[in-house]
Structures are given as C-alpha cells and as structure tokens.
Amino acid sequence: MGEIEPAVYHVVLDTGTGEWAVRKEGDSRNSGAYARKESAVRAAIYLAKKRPPCQVRIHGQDGTVLREHTYE
C-alpha cells in the first residue's frame, strides 16, 4: 500500500475581511475565521492533530510561509 498524502491546513490573512482564516488545501471554503492569528493557529493545530498525517503552514500578512508543523 502507498503512503497517505498528508492534509495541509494553511493559516492565512483574509484580506477581504481582515480575519485570519484556516483553509484546508484543496477546499474552496475556510475551515474557520478568527479575529486573532493565535486563535487561527490553535484551531489549525487542533484539526491537524485530529487527523494525522497533517501539516500546518502558518503564513505572514504578506502570504509567505513563516512556520510549518507536521503531525503524524
């Protein structure tokens, strides 16, 4: 059997609303939106830990990836 491709959750700034969004790669809708980046990061980590293998990529305001965490 092949390896399972890990899901990837991104924490990104939604420039339209000014909120921090959690978006699962490949999904068209947000998994959640938060006023504070720290809240979005906690939510993304919670989702990733529930469904390993997963990655969380935390982006800065300019969209660049600042940190990446892997949960297996």
PDB file of N, CA and C in Angstrom:
ATOM      1  N   MET A   1       0.832  -1.179   0.000  1.00  0.00           N
ATOM      2  CA  MET A   1       0.000   0.000   0.000  1.00  0.00           C
ATOM      3  C   MET A   1       0.876   1.242   0.000  1.00  0.00           C
ATOM      4  N   GLY A   2       0.391   2.307  -0.653  1.00  0.00           N
ATOM      5  CA  GLY A   2       1.116   3.558  -0.709  1.00  0.00           C
ATOM      6  C   GLY A   2       0.888   4.397   0.530  1.00  0.00           C
ATOM      7  N   GLU A   3       1.724   5.402   0.653  1.00  0.00           N
ATOM      8  CA  GLU A   3       1.583   6.307   1.787  1.00  0.00           C
ATOM      9  C   GLU A   3       0.380   7.227   1.599  1.00  0.00           C
ATOM     10  N   ILE A   4      -0.206   7.604   2.709  1.00  0.00           N
ATOM     11  CA  ILE A   4      -1.312   8.562   2.690  1.00  0.00           C
ATOM     12  C   ILE A   4      -0.723   9.956   2.536  1.00  0.00           C
ATOM     13  N   GLU A   5      -1.256  10.712   1.581  1.00  0.00           N
ATOM     14  CA  GLU A   5      -0.825  12.097   1.385  1.00  0.00           C
ATOM     15  C   GLU A   5      -1.352  12.938   2.544  1.00  0.00           C
ATOM     16  N   PRO A   6      -0.464  13.653   3.251  1.00  0.00           N
ATOM     17  CA  PRO A   6      -0.944  14.434   4.397  1.00  0.00           C
ATOM     18  C   PRO A   6      -1.824  15.603   3.962  1.00  0.00           C
ATOM     19  N   ALA A   7      -2.844  15.870   4.756  1.00  0.00           N
ATOM     20  CA  ALA A   7      -3.658  17.066   4.546  1.00  0.00           C
ATOM     21  C   ALA A   7      -2.829  18.259   5.003  1.00  0.00           C
ATOM     22  N   VAL A   8      -3.066  19.398   4.381  1.00  0.00           N
ATOM     23  CA  VAL A   8      -2.334  20.606   4.734  1.00  0.00           C
ATOM     24  C   VAL A   8      -3.331  21.699   5.078  1.00  0.00           C
ATOM     25  N   TYR A   9      -3.193  22.254   6.286  1.00  0.00           N
ATOM     26  CA  TYR A   9      -4.005  23.384   6.718  1.00  0.00           C
ATOM     27  C   TYR A   9      -3.136  24.637   6.684  1.00  0.00           C
ATOM     28  N   HIS A  10      -3.664  25.695   6.076  1.00  0.00           N
ATOM     29  CA  HIS A  10      -2.962  26.971   5.990  1.00  0.00           C
ATOM     30  C   HIS A  10      -3.647  27.979   6.901  1.00  0.00           C
ATOM     31  N   VAL A  11      -2.844  28.746   7.620  1.00  0.00           N
ATOM     32  CA  VAL A  11      -3.345  29.890   8.391  1.00  0.00           C
ATOM     33  C   VAL A  11      -2.936  31.121   7.598  1.00  0.00           C
ATOM     34  N   VAL A  12      -3.940  31.821   7.049  1.00  0.00           N
ATOM     35  CA  VAL A  12      -3.681  32.951   6.164  1.00  0.00           C
ATOM     36  C   VAL A  12      -4.571  34.138   6.528  1.00  0.00           C
ATOM     37  N   LEU A  13      -4.090  35.329   6.203  1.00  0.00           N
ATOM     38  CA  LEU A  13      -4.877  36.530   6.400  1.00  0.00           C
ATOM     39  C   LEU A  13      -5.841  36.681   5.233  1.00  0.00           C
ATOM     40  N   ASP A  14      -7.127  36.784   5.530  1.00  0.00           N
ATOM     41  CA  ASP A  14      -8.143  37.042   4.506  1.00  0.00           C
ATOM     42  C   ASP A  14      -8.202  38.552   4.334  1.00  0.00           C
ATOM     43  N   THR A  15      -7.617  39.050   3.257  1.00  0.00           N
ATOM     44  CA  THR A  15      -7.528  40.494   3.065  1.00  0.00           C
ATOM     45  C   THR A  15      -8.891  41.138   2.862  1.00  0.00           C
ATOM     46  N   GLY A  16      -9.877  40.362   2.457  1.00  0.00           N
ATOM     47  CA  GLY A  16     -11.218  40.908   2.273  1.00  0.00           C
ATOM     48  C   GLY A  16     -11.912  41.229   3.584  1.00  0.00           C
ATOM     49  N   THR A  17     -11.690  40.372   4.592  1.00  0.00           N
ATOM     50  CA  THR A  17     -12.367  40.554   5.876  1.00  0.00           C
ATOM     51  C   THR A  17     -11.434  41.044   6.976  1.00  0.00           C
ATOM     52  N   GLY A  18     -10.126  40.880   6.776  1.00  0.00           N
ATOM     53  CA  GLY A  18      -9.162  41.241   7.815  1.00  0.00           C
ATOM     54  C   GLY A  18      -9.033  40.189   8.891  1.00  0.00           C
ATOM     55  N   GLU A  19      -9.706  39.060   8.715  1.00  0.00           N
ATOM     56  CA  GLU A  19      -9.632  37.967   9.695  1.00  0.00           C
ATOM     57  C   GLU A  19      -8.578  36.953   9.262  1.00  0.00           C
ATOM     58  N   TRP A  20      -8.137  36.167  10.235  1.00  0.00           N
ATOM     59  CA  TRP A  20      -7.214  35.077   9.962  1.00  0.00           C
ATOM     60  C   TRP A  20      -8.033  33.827   9.682  1.00  0.00           C
ATOM     61  N   ALA A  21      -7.773  33.201   8.552  1.00  0.00           N
ATOM     62  CA  ALA A  21      -8.551  32.043   8.126  1.00  0.00           C
ATOM     63  C   ALA A  21      -7.726  30.772   8.221  1.00  0.00           C
ATOM     64  N   VAL A  22      -8.413  29.667   8.514  1.00  0.00           N
ATOM     65  CA  VAL A  22      -7.830  28.331   8.428  1.00  0.00           C
ATOM     66  C   VAL A  22      -8.430  27.702   7.178  1.00  0.00           C
ATOM     67  N   ARG A  23      -7.550  27.327   6.255  1.00  0.00           N
ATOM     68  CA  ARG A  23      -8.012  26.745   4.995  1.00  0.00           C
ATOM     69  C   ARG A  23      -7.306  25.427   4.750  1.00  0.00           C
ATOM     70  N   LYS A  24      -8.093  24.397   4.525  1.00  0.00           N
ATOM     71  CA  LYS A  24      -7.524  23.104   4.166  1.00  0.00           C
ATOM     72  C   LYS A  24      -7.206  23.143   2.677  1.00  0.00           C
ATOM     73  N   GLU A  25      -5.991  22.765   2.348  1.00  0.00           N
ATOM     74  CA  GLU A  25      -5.555  22.788   0.960  1.00  0.00           C
ATOM     75  C   GLU A  25      -6.496  21.947   0.105  1.00  0.00           C
ATOM     76  N   GLY A  26      -6.971  22.522  -0.990  1.00  0.00           N
ATOM     77  CA  GLY A  26      -7.879  21.828  -1.888  1.00  0.00           C
ATOM     78  C   GLY A  26      -9.343  22.130  -1.643  1.00  0.00           C
ATOM     79  N   ASP A  27      -9.672  22.683  -0.479  1.00  0.00           N
ATOM     80  CA  ASP A  27     -11.055  23.056  -0.174  1.00  0.00           C
ATOM     81  C   ASP A  27     -11.307  24.495  -0.626  1.00  0.00           C
ATOM     82  N   SER A  28     -12.506  24.766  -1.073  1.00  0.00           N
ATOM     83  CA  SER A  28     -12.838  26.114  -1.525  1.00  0.00           C
ATOM     84  C   SER A  28     -13.331  27.000  -0.376  1.00  0.00           C
ATOM     85  N   ARG A  29     -13.717  26.394   0.732  1.00  0.00           N
ATOM     86  CA  ARG A  29     -14.236  27.156   1.869  1.00  0.00           C
ATOM     87  C   ARG A  29     -13.260  27.095   3.037  1.00  0.00           C
ATOM     88  N   ASN A  30     -13.311  28.126   3.876  1.00  0.00           N
ATOM     89  CA  ASN A  30     -12.497  28.156   5.095  1.00  0.00           C
ATOM     90  C   ASN A  30     -13.004  27.129   6.091  1.00  0.00           C
ATOM     91  N   SER A  31     -12.083  26.588   6.869  1.00  0.00           N
ATOM     92  CA  SER A  31     -12.459  25.731   7.996  1.00  0.00           C
ATOM     93  C   SER A  31     -12.828  26.581   9.198  1.00  0.00           C
ATOM     94  N   GLY A  32     -12.439  27.852   9.177  1.00  0.00           N
ATOM     95  CA  GLY A  32     -12.767  28.772  10.258  1.00  0.00           C
ATOM     96  C   GLY A  32     -12.142  30.125   9.996  1.00  0.00           C
ATOM     97  N   ALA A  33     -12.671  31.153  10.647  1.00  0.00           N
ATOM     98  CA  ALA A  33     -12.138  32.510  10.539  1.00  0.00           C
ATOM     99  C   ALA A  33     -12.068  33.107  11.944  1.00  0.00           C
ATOM    100  N   TYR A  34     -10.978  33.803  12.229  1.00  0.00           N
ATOM    101  CA  TYR A  34     -10.703  34.268  13.587  1.00  0.00           C
ATOM    102  C   TYR A  34     -10.175  35.696  13.570  1.00  0.00           C
ATOM    103  N   ALA A  35     -10.515  36.460  14.566  1.00  0.00           N
ATOM    104  CA  ALA A  35     -10.048  37.837  14.675  1.00  0.00           C
ATOM    105  C   ALA A  35      -8.554  37.879  14.985  1.00  0.00           C
ATOM    106  N   ARG A  36      -8.060  36.863  15.705  1.00  0.00           N
ATOM    107  CA  ARG A  36      -6.653  36.834  16.113  1.00  0.00           C
ATOM    108  C   ARG A  36      -5.921  35.680  15.456  1.00  0.00           C
ATOM    109  N   LYS A  37      -4.710  35.953  15.012  1.00  0.00           N
ATOM    110  CA  LYS A  37      -3.889  34.927  14.364  1.00  0.00           C
ATOM    111  C   LYS A  37      -3.641  33.745  15.302  1.00  0.00           C
ATOM    112  N   GLU A  38      -3.400  34.037  16.583  1.00  0.00           N
ATOM    113  CA  GLU A  38      -3.119  32.968  17.548  1.00  0.00           C
ATOM    114  C   GLU A  38      -4.288  31.992  17.648  1.00  0.00           C
ATOM    115  N   SER A  39      -5.494  32.496  17.572  1.00  0.00           N
ATOM    116  CA  SER A  39      -6.681  31.637  17.622  1.00  0.00           C
ATOM    117  C   SER A  39      -6.762  30.750  16.389  1.00  0.00           C
ATOM    118  N   ALA A  40      -6.436  31.307  15.241  1.00  0.00           N
ATOM    119  CA  ALA A  40      -6.443  30.528  14.000  1.00  0.00           C
ATOM    120  C   ALA A  40      -5.377  29.440  14.029  1.00  0.00           C
ATOM    121  N   VAL A  41      -4.207  29.766  14.561  1.00  0.00           N
ATOM    122  CA  VAL A  41      -3.130  28.775  14.664  1.00  0.00           C
ATOM    123  C   VAL A  41      -3.555  27.630  15.582  1.00  0.00           C
ATOM    124  N   ARG A  42      -4.144  27.942  16.726  1.00  0.00           N
ATOM    125  CA  ARG A  42      -4.606  26.891  17.654  1.00  0.00           C
ATOM    126  C   ARG A  42      -5.650  26.003  16.982  1.00  0.00           C
ATOM    127  N   ALA A  43      -6.565  26.601  16.236  1.00  0.00           N
ATOM    128  CA  ALA A  43      -7.608  25.829  15.557  1.00  0.00           C
ATOM    129  C   ALA A  43      -7.001  24.915  14.491  1.00  0.00           C
ATOM    130  N   ALA A  44      -6.051  25.417  13.733  1.00  0.00           N
ATOM    131  CA  ALA A  44      -5.413  24.607  12.691  1.00  0.00           C
ATOM    132  C   ALA A  44      -4.649  23.430  13.300  1.00  0.00           C
ATOM    133  N   ILE A  45      -3.947  23.673  14.397  1.00  0.00           N
ATOM    134  CA  ILE A  45      -3.205  22.600  15.067  1.00  0.00           C
ATOM    135  C   ILE A  45      -4.167  21.558  15.617  1.00  0.00           C
ATOM    136  N   TYR A  46      -5.272  22.002  16.186  1.00  0.00           N
ATOM    137  CA  TYR A  46      -6.290  21.078  16.694  1.00  0.00           C
ATOM    138  C   TYR A  46      -6.805  20.176  15.567  1.00  0.00           C
ATOM    139  N   LEU A  47      -7.133  20.766  14.429  1.00  0.00           N
ATOM    140  CA  LEU A  47      -7.625  19.983  13.287  1.00  0.00           C
ATOM    141  C   LEU A  47      -6.568  18.998  12.800  1.00  0.00           C
ATOM    142  N   ALA A  48      -5.327  19.440  12.715  1.00  0.00           N
ATOM    143  CA  ALA A  48      -4.243  18.586  12.224  1.00  0.00           C
ATOM    144  C   ALA A  48      -3.987  17.404  13.153  1.00  0.00           C
ATOM    145  N   LYS A  49      -4.026  17.640  14.451  1.00  0.00           N
ATOM    146  CA  LYS A  49      -3.774  16.566  15.413  1.00  0.00           C
ATOM    147  C   LYS A  49      -4.899  15.533  15.419  1.00  0.00           C
ATOM    148  N   LYS A  50      -6.113  15.943  15.035  1.00  0.00           N
ATOM    149  CA  LYS A  50      -7.245  15.016  14.996  1.00  0.00           C
ATOM    150  C   LYS A  50      -7.161  14.054  13.816  1.00  0.00           C
ATOM    151  N   ARG A  51      -6.470  14.446  12.746  1.00  0.00           N
ATOM    152  CA  ARG A  51      -6.466  13.662  11.509  1.00  0.00           C
ATOM    153  C   ARG A  51      -5.059  13.494  10.938  1.00  0.00           C
ATOM    154  N   PRO A  52      -4.145  12.901  11.683  1.00  0.00           N
ATOM    155  CA  PRO A  52      -2.796  12.745  11.136  1.00  0.00           C
ATOM    156  C   PRO A  52      -2.787  11.744   9.975  1.00  0.00           C
ATOM    157  N   PRO A  53      -1.865  11.811   9.065  1.00  0.00           N
ATOM    158  CA  PRO A  53      -0.796  12.796   8.992  1.00  0.00           C
ATOM    159  C   PRO A  53      -1.311  14.106   8.423  1.00  0.00           C
ATOM    160  N   CYS A  54      -0.860  15.211   9.007  1.00  0.00           N
ATOM    161  CA  CYS A  54      -1.266  16.546   8.576  1.00  0.00           C
ATOM    162  C   CYS A  54      -0.112  17.522   8.749  1.00  0.00           C
ATOM    163  N   GLN A  55      -0.215  18.610   8.013  1.00  0.00           N
ATOM    164  CA  GLN A  55       0.719  19.707   8.168  1.00  0.00           C
ATOM    165  C   GLN A  55      -0.071  20.986   8.409  1.00  0.00           C
ATOM    166  N   VAL A  56       0.558  21.899   9.140  1.00  0.00           N
ATOM    167  CA  VAL A  56       0.013  23.241   9.331  1.00  0.00           C
ATOM    168  C   VAL A  56       1.068  24.209   8.826  1.00  0.00           C
ATOM    169  N   ARG A  57       0.666  25.077   7.913  1.00  0.00           N
ATOM    170  CA  ARG A  57       1.561  26.109   7.396  1.00  0.00           C
ATOM    171  C   ARG A  57       1.010  27.466   7.826  1.00  0.00           C
ATOM    172  N   ILE A  58       1.828  28.197   8.565  1.00  0.00           N
ATOM    173  CA  ILE A  58       1.424  29.488   9.103  1.00  0.00           C
ATOM    174  C   ILE A  58       2.054  30.578   8.246  1.00  0.00           C
ATOM    175  N   HIS A  59       1.203  31.412   7.679  1.00  0.00           N
ATOM    176  CA  HIS A  59       1.647  32.463   6.762  1.00  0.00           C
ATOM    177  C   HIS A  59       1.678  33.808   7.481  1.00  0.00           C
ATOM    178  N   GLY A  60       2.512  34.697   6.981  1.00  0.00           N
ATOM    179  CA  GLY A  60       2.542  36.066   7.453  1.00  0.00           C
ATOM    180  C   GLY A  60       1.499  36.897   6.716  1.00  0.00           C
ATOM    181  N   GLN A  61       1.405  38.163   7.067  1.00  0.00           N
ATOM    182  CA  GLN A  61       0.442  39.048   6.431  1.00  0.00           C
ATOM    183  C   GLN A  61       0.675  39.164   4.927  1.00  0.00           C
ATOM    184  N   ASP A  62       1.923  39.006   4.486  1.00  0.00           N
ATOM    185  CA  ASP A  62       2.236  39.116   3.062  1.00  0.00           C
ATOM    186  C   ASP A  62       2.056  37.804   2.306  1.00  0.00           C
ATOM    187  N   GLY A  63       1.649  36.755   3.014  1.00  0.00           N
ATOM    188  CA  GLY A  63       1.385  35.467   2.376  1.00  0.00           C
ATOM    189  C   GLY A  63       2.538  34.484   2.401  1.00  0.00           C
ATOM    190  N   THR A  64       3.726  34.908   2.800  1.00  0.00           N
ATOM    191  CA  THR A  64       4.853  33.979   2.845  1.00  0.00           C
ATOM    192  C   THR A  64       4.705  33.019   4.023  1.00  0.00           C
ATOM    193  N   VAL A  65       5.202  31.803   3.857  1.00  0.00           N
ATOM    194  CA  VAL A  65       5.146  30.802   4.921  1.00  0.00           C
ATOM    195  C   VAL A  65       6.220  31.136   5.950  1.00  0.00           C
ATOM    196  N   LEU A  66       5.783  31.317   7.193  1.00  0.00           N
ATOM    197  CA  LEU A  66       6.705  31.638   8.281  1.00  0.00           C
ATOM    198  C   LEU A  66       7.137  30.392   9.043  1.00  0.00           C
ATOM    199  N   ARG A  67       6.191  29.479   9.252  1.00  0.00           N
ATOM    200  CA  ARG A  67       6.459  28.246  10.010  1.00  0.00           C
ATOM    201  C   ARG A  67       5.645  27.111   9.413  1.00  0.00           C
ATOM    202  N   GLU A  68       6.135  25.910   9.637  1.00  0.00           N
ATOM    203  CA  GLU A  68       5.421  24.717   9.193  1.00  0.00           C
ATOM    204  C   GLU A  68       5.580  23.640  10.268  1.00  0.00           C
ATOM    205  N   HIS A  69       4.474  22.984  10.593  1.00  0.00           N
ATOM    206  CA  HIS A  69       4.484  21.911  11.587  1.00  0.00           C
ATOM    207  C   HIS A  69       3.896  20.658  10.948  1.00  0.00           C
ATOM    208  N   THR A  70       4.454  19.509  11.289  1.00  0.00           N
ATOM    209  CA  THR A  70       3.964  18.227  10.775  1.00  0.00           C
ATOM    210  C   THR A  70       3.507  17.377  11.950  1.00  0.00           C
ATOM    211  N   TYR A  71       2.349  16.751  11.789  1.00  0.00           N
ATOM    212  CA  TYR A  71       1.770  15.878  12.824  1.00  0.00           C
ATOM    213  C   TYR A  71       1.526  14.519  12.201  1.00  0.00           C
ATOM    214  N   GLU A  72       2.111  13.479  12.813  1.00  0.00           N
ATOM    215  CA  GLU A  72       1.961  12.119  12.284  1.00  0.00           C
ATOM    216  C   GLU A  72       1.365  11.186  13.273  1.00  0.00           C
TER     217      GLU A  72
END
